[in-house]
Amino acid sequence: MPSVKIFSTFLVSLLIGVILCFTSENSQAQSINVTSVSPSTICAGSDVSVTFEATNGNNNNRRFNNSTNYTIYLSNSSGTSFTSIATFTTAGVSYSTAKNGVTSNIVETITIPSTTVSGAGYKISIGSSGPTFIGSGGTGSSPAFIIKAIPNAPIASNNGPVCEGSTLSLSATTIAGATYLWTGPNNFTSSVQNPIVSTAATSAMAGTYYASASVGGCFSAASATTVTVKPLPQVNLTTSANVVCTGTPITLTATNSGGALTAVTGSNNTSQVISTSGTPTITSNITLGNGILSDLSNLKVDLKIDHTWVGDLKITLQGPGGIGSTVLLDRPGVPASTYGNGDDLINTATYSFSISGAGVIPETTVSGTIPDGIYLPSDDSGMPNNFSGLLTGNNIAGVWTLSITDNFNGDGGNLNSWSITINNASGTYTTAFSGPGTTGSVTYSGI
């Protein structure tokens, strides 16, 4: 049957033609070749310039352009297994539009991952989409280059707190083969692992110092240590008489001041319910140790409290001994309105009271809730009272009592916790007398 033979011959010829065409097209498919990585030795975490060339395929949808999406792959240190580390597109590159055309000297800057370990056989390859080129297997990869690992950061420390006039020194833990760089206040720098900043420290030397280690030219992250330099106390010496007869005693009086005073703090984390029934009053106590309330600006009271309708509440603070008492807030919005501010105190906020506050608890509704913040203590007219009623110069030791009164039936909440901080309150002076005479007993007054 000649017609069958002719058809079969034609079909075989057609299939051969398709196969030849397919083979020819794939033999001229697009490709990417990485020609260089610069510099050829690099620290992990640093930038390198990757230069590559892109060769178009043999039809229009195989042409590289500025919309092509590229993926950069970094090999392991032996140049075998590749991992994606960055993606990019180009801008302003004049690509060849010819079939199998080559665009050379395309440059992209990428960052080597900071966790990369040291090795001399790293390679970079590039893949793409639009058109597609598979670079994840290392095809067209760069010549090998060197990556140096970032050393571990040393642990920085200091010998502080130190007093003014004493030696201030810094220390960094040992990193094998490392050199060191210290930086700090007043343009301080040192390449010594454990430097002495000064043998006569000043308050200007206080602050944060940073240490980093370098191995093979690669620097670690910086480690910080904060230095505290305490000011020296001062003493003013007076005598009961400047001229006396032999054998007559005189009294020396030393008045101490200055130095580094510390804060006295206390807290109470026992939660109490503020009932919705009636007009309850709850109290909560904090006991503080010795110290002096030298200035009302040193006092801060922090409350963790939730309650619907803040205009119902009056909150007072009673100090021990002769310190007195003060009002933190007193029914905000009353008497300007019958029920006061209807905003709520919320349990996710901390309400602090200090004379450094930006303003009082609002007298009128703002947003439905009172925001977290530092507030001025206020009186029953909504005006700042600056902790009026508390007396300075007294010993703060003893029981401090917080009282909360809910003045209207129906709304309630919880006192979750509260705390007191009194800055610059505590410090003990020790006085030593010396001179040509015989010193008797020393008597201290105050705390």
Protein backbone atom coordinates (compact mmCIF):
# COMPACT_ATOMS: atom_id res chain seq x y z
CA MET A 1 0.00 0.00 0.00
CA PRO A 2 2.16 2.91 -1.30
CA SER A 3 -0.02 5.57 0.32
CA VAL A 4 0.59 4.10 3.78
CA LYS A 5 4.33 4.02 3.20
CA ILE A 6 4.32 7.61 2.00
CA PHE A 7 2.37 8.72 5.08
CA SER A 8 4.64 6.77 7.41
CA THR A 9 7.71 8.25 5.79
CA PHE A 10 6.24 11.73 6.14
CA LEU A 11 5.33 11.16 9.82
CA VAL A 12 8.82 9.90 10.67
CA SER A 13 10.39 12.88 8.89
CA LEU A 14 8.10 15.26 10.81
CA LEU A 15 9.02 13.71 14.17
CA ILE A 16 12.71 13.89 13.33
CA GLY A 17 12.26 17.56 12.42
CA VAL A 18 10.52 18.32 15.72
CA ILE A 19 13.22 16.51 17.70
CA LEU A 20 15.96 18.34 15.81
CA CYS A 21 14.20 21.66 16.36
CA PHE A 22 13.73 20.96 20.10
CA THR A 23 17.34 19.85 20.46
CA SER A 24 18.57 22.89 18.58
CA GLU A 25 16.52 25.26 20.75
CA ASN A 26 17.77 23.80 24.03
CA SER A 27 21.34 23.74 22.86
CA GLN A 28 21.04 27.52 22.50
CA ALA A 29 19.08 28.16 25.77
CA GLN A 30 19.77 31.22 27.98
CA SER A 31 22.53 31.08 30.60
CA ILE A 32 24.20 33.11 33.37
CA ASN A 33 27.90 32.99 34.06
CA VAL A 34 29.48 34.62 37.15
CA THR A 35 32.84 35.95 36.02
CA SER A 36 34.21 37.40 39.27
CA VAL A 37 33.62 38.13 42.96
CA SER A 38 35.44 41.12 44.43
CA PRO A 39 37.21 41.28 46.77
CA SER A 40 38.43 37.70 46.58
CA THR A 41 38.95 37.60 50.36
CA ILE A 42 36.08 38.86 52.48
CA CYS A 43 34.84 38.85 56.07
CA ALA A 44 31.47 37.27 56.76
CA GLY A 45 28.81 39.94 57.05
CA SER A 46 30.57 42.19 54.52
CA ASP A 47 29.59 43.22 50.98
CA VAL A 48 31.00 41.77 47.76
CA SER A 49 30.59 42.87 44.15
CA VAL A 50 29.41 40.05 41.90
CA THR A 51 30.08 40.48 38.16
CA PHE A 52 28.23 38.25 35.71
CA GLU A 53 27.16 37.92 32.10
CA ALA A 54 23.73 36.91 30.80
CA THR A 55 23.33 35.08 27.46
CA ASN A 56 19.91 35.20 25.80
CA GLY A 57 18.11 32.15 24.51
CA ASN A 58 16.97 31.72 20.93
CA ASN A 59 13.52 33.30 21.05
CA ASN A 60 11.87 36.41 22.43
CA ASN A 61 10.72 34.94 25.75
CA ARG A 62 14.28 33.89 26.52
CA ARG A 63 15.73 37.40 26.63
CA PHE A 64 17.20 38.91 29.84
CA ASN A 65 16.04 42.42 30.79
CA ASN A 66 15.67 44.80 33.73
CA SER A 67 12.53 42.96 34.85
CA THR A 68 14.33 39.64 35.20
CA ASN A 69 14.29 38.33 38.77
CA TYR A 70 17.70 37.05 39.84
CA THR A 71 18.57 34.82 42.80
CA ILE A 72 22.11 34.63 44.20
CA TYR A 73 23.35 31.34 45.62
CA LEU A 74 26.36 30.89 47.92
CA SER A 75 28.07 27.53 48.08
CA ASN A 76 29.52 25.78 51.10
CA SER A 77 33.26 26.14 51.72
CA SER A 78 34.03 23.28 49.33
CA GLY A 79 32.09 24.89 46.45
CA THR A 80 29.54 22.10 46.10
CA SER A 81 26.16 22.67 47.80
CA PHE A 82 24.51 26.04 47.07
CA THR A 83 22.02 28.06 49.18
CA SER A 84 19.98 31.14 48.23
CA ILE A 85 21.18 34.29 50.03
CA ALA A 86 19.69 37.21 48.04
CA THR A 87 17.36 38.26 45.23
CA PHE A 88 17.47 41.32 43.01
CA THR A 89 16.48 42.95 39.74
CA THR A 90 18.67 45.28 37.74
CA ALA A 91 18.04 48.87 36.69
CA GLY A 92 19.56 50.79 33.84
CA VAL A 93 21.39 47.83 32.29
CA SER A 94 21.49 47.89 28.47
CA TYR A 95 20.72 44.27 27.72
CA SER A 96 21.33 42.65 24.33
CA THR A 97 18.04 41.98 22.54
CA ALA A 98 19.56 39.61 19.97
CA LYS A 99 18.96 35.87 19.90
CA ASN A 100 21.82 34.31 21.93
CA GLY A 101 23.10 37.85 22.58
CA VAL A 102 25.45 38.35 25.53
CA THR A 103 25.24 41.15 28.10
CA SER A 104 28.53 41.38 30.01
CA ASN A 105 29.82 43.14 33.11
CA ILE A 106 26.54 43.25 35.02
CA VAL A 107 27.45 44.05 38.64
CA GLU A 108 25.40 43.48 41.78
CA THR A 109 26.52 44.10 45.39
CA ILE A 110 25.36 41.55 47.97
CA THR A 111 26.05 40.88 51.65
CA ILE A 112 27.66 37.64 52.76
CA PRO A 113 25.69 36.16 55.69
CA SER A 114 27.36 37.06 58.98
CA THR A 115 27.18 33.46 60.23
CA THR A 116 29.28 32.06 57.37
CA VAL A 117 32.22 29.95 58.57
CA SER A 118 35.79 30.34 57.32
CA GLY A 119 36.75 28.63 54.06
CA ALA A 120 38.73 29.08 50.85
CA GLY A 121 36.49 27.31 48.36
CA TYR A 122 33.32 29.41 48.32
CA LYS A 123 31.56 30.09 45.02
CA ILE A 124 28.58 32.17 43.92
CA SER A 125 26.07 31.22 41.24
CA ILE A 126 23.03 33.08 39.92
CA GLY A 127 19.64 31.79 38.83
CA SER A 128 16.76 33.70 37.27
CA SER A 129 13.11 33.77 36.32
CA GLY A 130 11.80 35.65 33.27
CA PRO A 131 13.66 33.96 31.58
CA THR A 132 14.38 30.89 33.69
CA PHE A 133 17.90 29.76 34.42
CA ILE A 134 18.55 27.22 37.17
CA GLY A 135 21.53 28.37 39.21
CA SER A 136 20.88 26.48 42.45
CA GLY A 137 23.10 23.60 41.36
CA GLY A 138 26.10 25.82 40.79
CA THR A 139 25.93 26.05 36.99
CA GLY A 140 27.91 29.08 35.80
CA SER A 141 29.36 29.66 39.27
CA SER A 142 32.22 32.04 40.06
CA PRO A 143 35.86 31.23 40.65
CA ALA A 144 36.51 30.19 44.27
CA PHE A 145 37.01 32.94 46.84
CA ILE A 146 37.81 33.16 50.57
CA ILE A 147 35.43 34.01 53.42
CA LYS A 148 36.75 34.64 56.93
CA ALA A 149 34.40 34.02 59.85
CA ILE A 150 33.49 36.80 62.26
CA PRO A 151 35.00 36.06 65.70
CA ASN A 152 32.83 35.80 68.78
CA ALA A 153 32.35 39.05 70.67
CA PRO A 154 34.40 39.34 73.86
CA ILE A 155 32.52 39.89 77.12
CA ALA A 156 33.26 43.42 78.33
CA SER A 157 33.37 44.38 82.01
CA ASN A 158 34.81 47.02 84.33
CA ASN A 159 35.96 47.36 87.94
CA GLY A 160 33.22 49.81 88.85
CA PRO A 161 31.41 51.39 90.42
CA VAL A 162 34.49 53.45 91.26
CA CYS A 163 34.89 56.66 93.20
CA GLU A 164 36.26 59.83 91.67
CA GLY A 165 40.05 59.87 91.89
CA SER A 166 40.44 56.08 91.90
CA THR A 167 41.62 53.72 89.14
CA LEU A 168 39.15 52.82 86.40
CA SER A 169 39.97 49.72 84.37
CA LEU A 170 38.23 47.67 81.66
CA SER A 171 38.41 43.95 80.89
CA ALA A 172 37.58 41.78 77.87
CA THR A 173 37.48 37.99 77.77
CA THR A 174 40.13 36.25 75.67
CA ILE A 175 39.38 35.44 72.02
CA ALA A 176 42.06 33.18 70.49
CA GLY A 177 44.34 35.05 68.09
CA ALA A 178 42.46 38.33 68.50
CA THR A 179 43.46 41.95 68.72
CA TYR A 180 41.10 44.31 70.51
CA LEU A 181 39.48 47.69 70.03
CA TRP A 182 37.89 49.65 72.86
CA THR A 183 35.87 52.85 72.41
CA GLY A 184 34.07 54.97 74.98
CA PRO A 185 33.22 58.41 76.38
CA ASN A 186 35.47 61.40 75.69
CA ASN A 187 36.80 59.74 72.49
CA PHE A 188 38.45 56.98 74.52
CA THR A 189 40.14 54.28 72.40
CA SER A 190 42.51 51.45 73.24
CA SER A 191 43.92 48.38 71.50
CA VAL A 192 44.82 46.72 74.84
CA GLN A 193 42.68 43.77 75.90
CA ASN A 194 42.40 45.00 79.51
CA PRO A 195 43.14 48.74 79.47
CA ILE A 196 43.35 51.19 82.37
CA VAL A 197 41.21 54.18 81.48
CA SER A 198 42.65 56.35 84.25
CA THR A 199 44.32 56.16 87.63
CA ALA A 200 42.27 59.21 88.67
CA ALA A 201 38.74 58.67 87.39
CA THR A 202 36.41 61.63 86.89
CA SER A 203 32.65 61.81 86.48
CA ALA A 204 33.19 62.56 82.78
CA MET A 205 34.55 59.04 82.36
CA ALA A 206 31.21 57.47 83.32
CA GLY A 207 29.19 55.93 80.52
CA THR A 208 29.17 52.97 78.14
CA TYR A 209 32.35 51.43 76.78
CA TYR A 210 32.45 48.99 73.83
CA ALA A 211 34.94 46.19 73.13
CA SER A 212 35.32 44.25 69.89
CA ALA A 213 37.81 41.59 68.80
CA SER A 214 39.52 41.27 65.43
CA VAL A 215 40.84 38.00 63.99
CA GLY A 216 42.40 38.03 60.53
CA GLY A 217 41.10 41.53 59.92
CA CYS A 218 37.50 40.60 60.71
CA PHE A 219 35.84 42.37 63.65
CA SER A 220 33.31 40.86 66.02
CA ALA A 221 30.15 42.58 67.17
CA ALA A 222 30.79 45.05 69.99
CA SER A 223 30.16 44.11 73.62
CA ALA A 224 29.16 46.87 76.05
CA THR A 225 29.89 47.62 79.69
CA THR A 226 28.56 50.62 81.61
CA VAL A 227 30.88 52.44 84.00
CA THR A 228 29.61 54.28 87.08
CA VAL A 229 31.87 56.90 88.67
CA LYS A 230 30.61 58.01 92.07
CA PRO A 231 31.23 61.59 93.16
CA LEU A 232 33.21 62.10 96.35
CA PRO A 233 31.39 63.38 99.42
CA GLN A 234 32.38 66.76 100.86
CA VAL A 235 32.94 67.69 104.48
CA ASN A 236 32.76 71.11 106.10
CA LEU A 237 34.68 71.31 109.43
CA THR A 238 33.97 73.90 112.11
CA THR A 239 35.26 74.30 115.67
CA SER A 240 33.69 75.57 118.87
CA ALA A 241 36.64 77.96 119.35
CA ASN A 242 39.64 79.01 117.31
CA VAL A 243 41.85 79.96 120.30
CA VAL A 244 41.82 78.07 123.61
CA CYS A 245 44.09 77.58 126.60
CA THR A 246 46.20 74.48 126.93
CA GLY A 247 44.19 71.56 128.23
CA THR A 248 40.84 73.06 127.23
CA PRO A 249 38.75 70.79 124.98
CA ILE A 250 37.12 72.04 121.81
CA THR A 251 34.34 70.53 119.72
CA LEU A 252 34.90 69.75 116.06
CA THR A 253 31.79 69.57 113.91
CA ALA A 254 31.92 67.89 110.49
CA THR A 255 29.00 68.48 108.13
CA ASN A 256 28.94 65.92 105.34
CA SER A 257 27.30 66.36 101.95
CA GLY A 258 27.44 65.12 98.38
CA GLY A 259 28.59 61.70 97.35
CA ALA A 260 26.53 59.05 95.60
CA LEU A 261 23.16 58.58 97.23
CA THR A 262 20.98 55.64 96.22
CA ALA A 263 17.26 55.13 95.72
CA VAL A 264 15.01 53.50 98.29
CA THR A 265 12.21 51.43 96.76
CA GLY A 266 9.35 49.26 97.92
CA SER A 267 6.41 47.44 96.36
CA ASN A 268 3.24 45.58 97.27
CA ASN A 269 2.04 42.96 94.76
CA THR A 270 -0.98 41.77 96.74
CA SER A 271 -4.09 42.34 94.61
CA GLN A 272 -7.21 43.82 96.23
CA VAL A 273 -10.74 44.06 94.84
CA ILE A 274 -12.50 47.44 94.74
CA SER A 275 -16.11 46.33 95.12
CA THR A 276 -18.88 47.42 92.76
CA SER A 277 -21.22 47.52 95.76
CA GLY A 278 -21.44 50.62 97.92
CA THR A 279 -18.60 53.10 98.39
CA PRO A 280 -15.69 51.00 99.64
CA THR A 281 -12.23 52.14 100.76
CA ILE A 282 -9.23 49.82 100.50
CA THR A 283 -5.74 50.36 101.91
CA SER A 284 -2.39 48.82 101.03
CA ASN A 285 0.95 49.21 102.84
CA ILE A 286 4.63 49.35 101.87
CA THR A 287 7.43 49.45 104.44
CA LEU A 288 10.54 51.40 103.47
CA GLY A 289 13.98 51.40 105.06
CA ASN A 290 16.05 54.35 106.23
CA GLY A 291 16.50 57.32 103.97
CA ILE A 292 15.65 60.98 103.58
CA LEU A 293 13.00 62.57 101.38
CA SER A 294 15.24 65.49 100.50
CA ASP A 295 13.12 66.84 97.64
CA LEU A 296 9.61 66.03 96.40
CA SER A 297 10.99 65.66 92.88
CA ASN A 298 12.66 62.45 94.09
CA LEU A 299 9.32 60.73 94.79
CA LYS A 300 7.46 58.54 92.28
CA VAL A 301 4.43 56.33 92.92
CA ASP A 302 3.47 53.63 90.38
CA LEU A 303 0.01 52.05 90.33
CA LYS A 304 -1.23 48.98 88.47
CA ILE A 305 -4.96 49.50 88.85
CA ASP A 306 -8.10 48.84 86.81
CA HIS A 307 -11.45 50.51 87.49
CA THR A 308 -14.44 51.59 85.45
CA TRP A 309 -15.19 55.33 85.68
CA VAL A 310 -12.10 57.03 87.10
CA GLY A 311 -14.25 59.95 88.27
CA ASP A 312 -15.44 57.78 91.17
CA LEU A 313 -11.99 57.48 92.76
CA LYS A 314 -9.98 59.36 95.37
CA ILE A 315 -6.45 58.06 95.96
CA THR A 316 -4.23 59.28 98.81
CA LEU A 317 -0.75 58.46 100.11
CA GLN A 318 0.15 58.63 103.81
CA GLY A 319 3.82 58.65 104.84
CA PRO A 320 5.29 57.52 108.18
CA GLY A 321 6.17 59.77 111.11
CA GLY A 322 6.12 63.47 110.36
CA ILE A 323 6.22 63.14 106.57
CA GLY A 324 2.48 63.75 106.21
CA SER A 325 0.01 62.77 103.47
CA THR A 326 -0.90 63.83 99.94
CA VAL A 327 -3.57 63.28 97.31
CA LEU A 328 -2.67 61.54 94.02
CA LEU A 329 -6.07 62.16 92.43
CA ASP A 330 -9.50 63.21 93.72
CA ARG A 331 -12.53 62.31 91.58
CA PRO A 332 -11.34 63.79 88.24
CA GLY A 333 -14.08 65.90 86.68
CA VAL A 334 -16.01 66.49 89.93
CA PRO A 335 -17.46 68.98 90.83
CA ALA A 336 -17.50 70.37 87.27
CA SER A 337 -19.80 67.45 86.46
CA THR A 338 -21.85 65.28 88.81
CA TYR A 339 -20.16 61.99 88.03
CA GLY A 340 -16.76 63.14 86.76
CA ASN A 341 -14.60 61.64 84.03
CA GLY A 342 -16.15 58.39 82.74
CA ASP A 343 -12.91 56.99 81.23
CA ASP A 344 -11.60 53.70 82.65
CA LEU A 345 -8.30 52.76 84.26
CA ILE A 346 -7.05 49.58 82.54
CA ASN A 347 -4.97 46.68 83.89
CA THR A 348 -2.44 46.75 81.04
CA ALA A 349 -1.29 50.26 81.97
CA THR A 350 0.99 51.64 84.67
CA TYR A 351 -0.16 54.95 86.15
CA SER A 352 2.77 56.83 87.64
CA PHE A 353 2.56 59.97 89.77
CA SER A 354 5.49 62.39 89.87
CA ILE A 355 5.96 66.15 89.76
CA SER A 356 7.81 65.53 86.49
CA GLY A 357 4.54 64.35 84.90
CA ALA A 358 3.27 65.97 81.71
CA GLY A 359 -0.22 66.67 83.11
CA VAL A 360 -2.91 65.50 85.51
CA ILE A 361 -5.39 62.66 84.98
CA PRO A 362 -7.88 64.32 82.57
CA GLU A 363 -10.97 65.94 84.05
CA THR A 364 -13.11 65.05 81.02
CA THR A 365 -13.59 61.92 78.93
CA VAL A 366 -10.99 61.60 76.17
CA SER A 367 -10.94 58.15 74.57
CA GLY A 368 -12.75 55.77 76.90
CA THR A 369 -9.58 54.70 78.72
CA ILE A 370 -6.86 56.54 80.62
CA PRO A 371 -3.57 55.86 78.81
CA ASP A 372 -0.40 54.56 80.43
CA GLY A 373 1.89 57.39 81.53
CA ILE A 374 3.42 59.65 84.19
CA TYR A 375 0.89 62.08 85.67
CA LEU A 376 1.04 65.05 88.03
CA PRO A 377 -0.71 64.44 91.36
CA SER A 378 -3.88 66.55 91.46
CA ASP A 379 -6.37 67.93 93.95
CA ASP A 380 -10.19 67.99 93.99
CA SER A 381 -10.25 70.86 91.48
CA GLY A 382 -8.08 68.98 88.99
CA MET A 383 -5.07 71.23 89.56
CA PRO A 384 -1.52 69.88 90.15
CA ASN A 385 -0.71 69.73 93.86
CA ASN A 386 2.99 68.72 93.60
CA PHE A 387 2.58 66.23 96.47
CA SER A 388 1.30 68.98 98.73
CA GLY A 389 1.10 67.78 102.35
CA LEU A 390 4.37 65.80 102.31
CA LEU A 391 7.28 67.34 104.21
CA THR A 392 10.88 67.01 103.09
CA GLY A 393 13.90 66.41 105.30
CA ASN A 394 12.29 63.57 107.22
CA ASN A 395 13.28 59.94 107.58
CA ILE A 396 11.27 57.82 105.15
CA ALA A 397 11.62 54.62 107.22
CA GLY A 398 8.31 53.05 108.16
CA VAL A 399 4.92 52.22 106.69
CA TRP A 400 3.56 54.07 103.68
CA THR A 401 -0.20 53.61 103.14
CA LEU A 402 -2.10 53.92 99.88
CA SER A 403 -5.85 54.52 100.31
CA ILE A 404 -8.40 54.20 97.47
CA THR A 405 -12.00 55.27 97.98
CA ASP A 406 -14.74 54.49 95.43
CA ASN A 407 -17.27 57.26 95.93
CA PHE A 408 -20.11 55.91 93.81
CA ASN A 409 -22.02 52.64 93.80
CA GLY A 410 -21.98 50.44 90.69
CA ASP A 411 -18.47 50.61 89.27
CA GLY A 412 -15.49 48.66 90.57
CA GLY A 413 -12.08 47.22 89.79
CA ASN A 414 -8.81 46.03 91.29
CA LEU A 415 -5.64 47.39 92.81
CA ASN A 416 -3.22 44.87 91.28
CA SER A 417 0.07 46.24 92.67
CA TRP A 418 1.84 49.46 93.53
CA SER A 419 5.34 50.70 94.32
CA ILE A 420 7.25 53.70 95.69
CA THR A 421 10.62 54.97 94.52
CA ILE A 422 12.46 57.72 96.42
CA ASN A 423 15.64 58.70 94.60
CA ASN A 424 18.78 60.12 96.23
CA ALA A 425 17.47 58.99 99.60
CA SER A 426 20.01 56.70 101.18
CA GLY A 427 23.71 56.86 102.05
CA THR A 428 25.79 56.59 105.20
CA TYR A 429 28.65 58.98 105.91
CA THR A 430 31.62 57.88 107.98
CA THR A 431 33.68 60.72 109.44
CA ALA A 432 37.31 60.44 110.60
CA PHE A 433 39.07 63.20 112.52
CA SER A 434 42.85 63.62 112.61
CA GLY A 435 45.23 66.30 113.87
CA PRO A 436 47.89 67.18 116.44
CA GLY A 437 45.60 66.77 119.41
CA THR A 438 43.90 63.73 120.94
CA THR A 439 40.54 62.96 119.38
CA GLY A 440 37.82 61.82 121.71
CA SER A 441 34.59 59.99 120.88
CA VAL A 442 32.67 60.83 117.69
CA THR A 443 28.96 61.49 117.95
CA TYR A 444 26.64 61.32 114.90
CA SER A 445 23.35 63.10 114.51
CA GLY A 446 20.60 62.24 112.03
CA ILE A 447 20.50 58.84 110.39
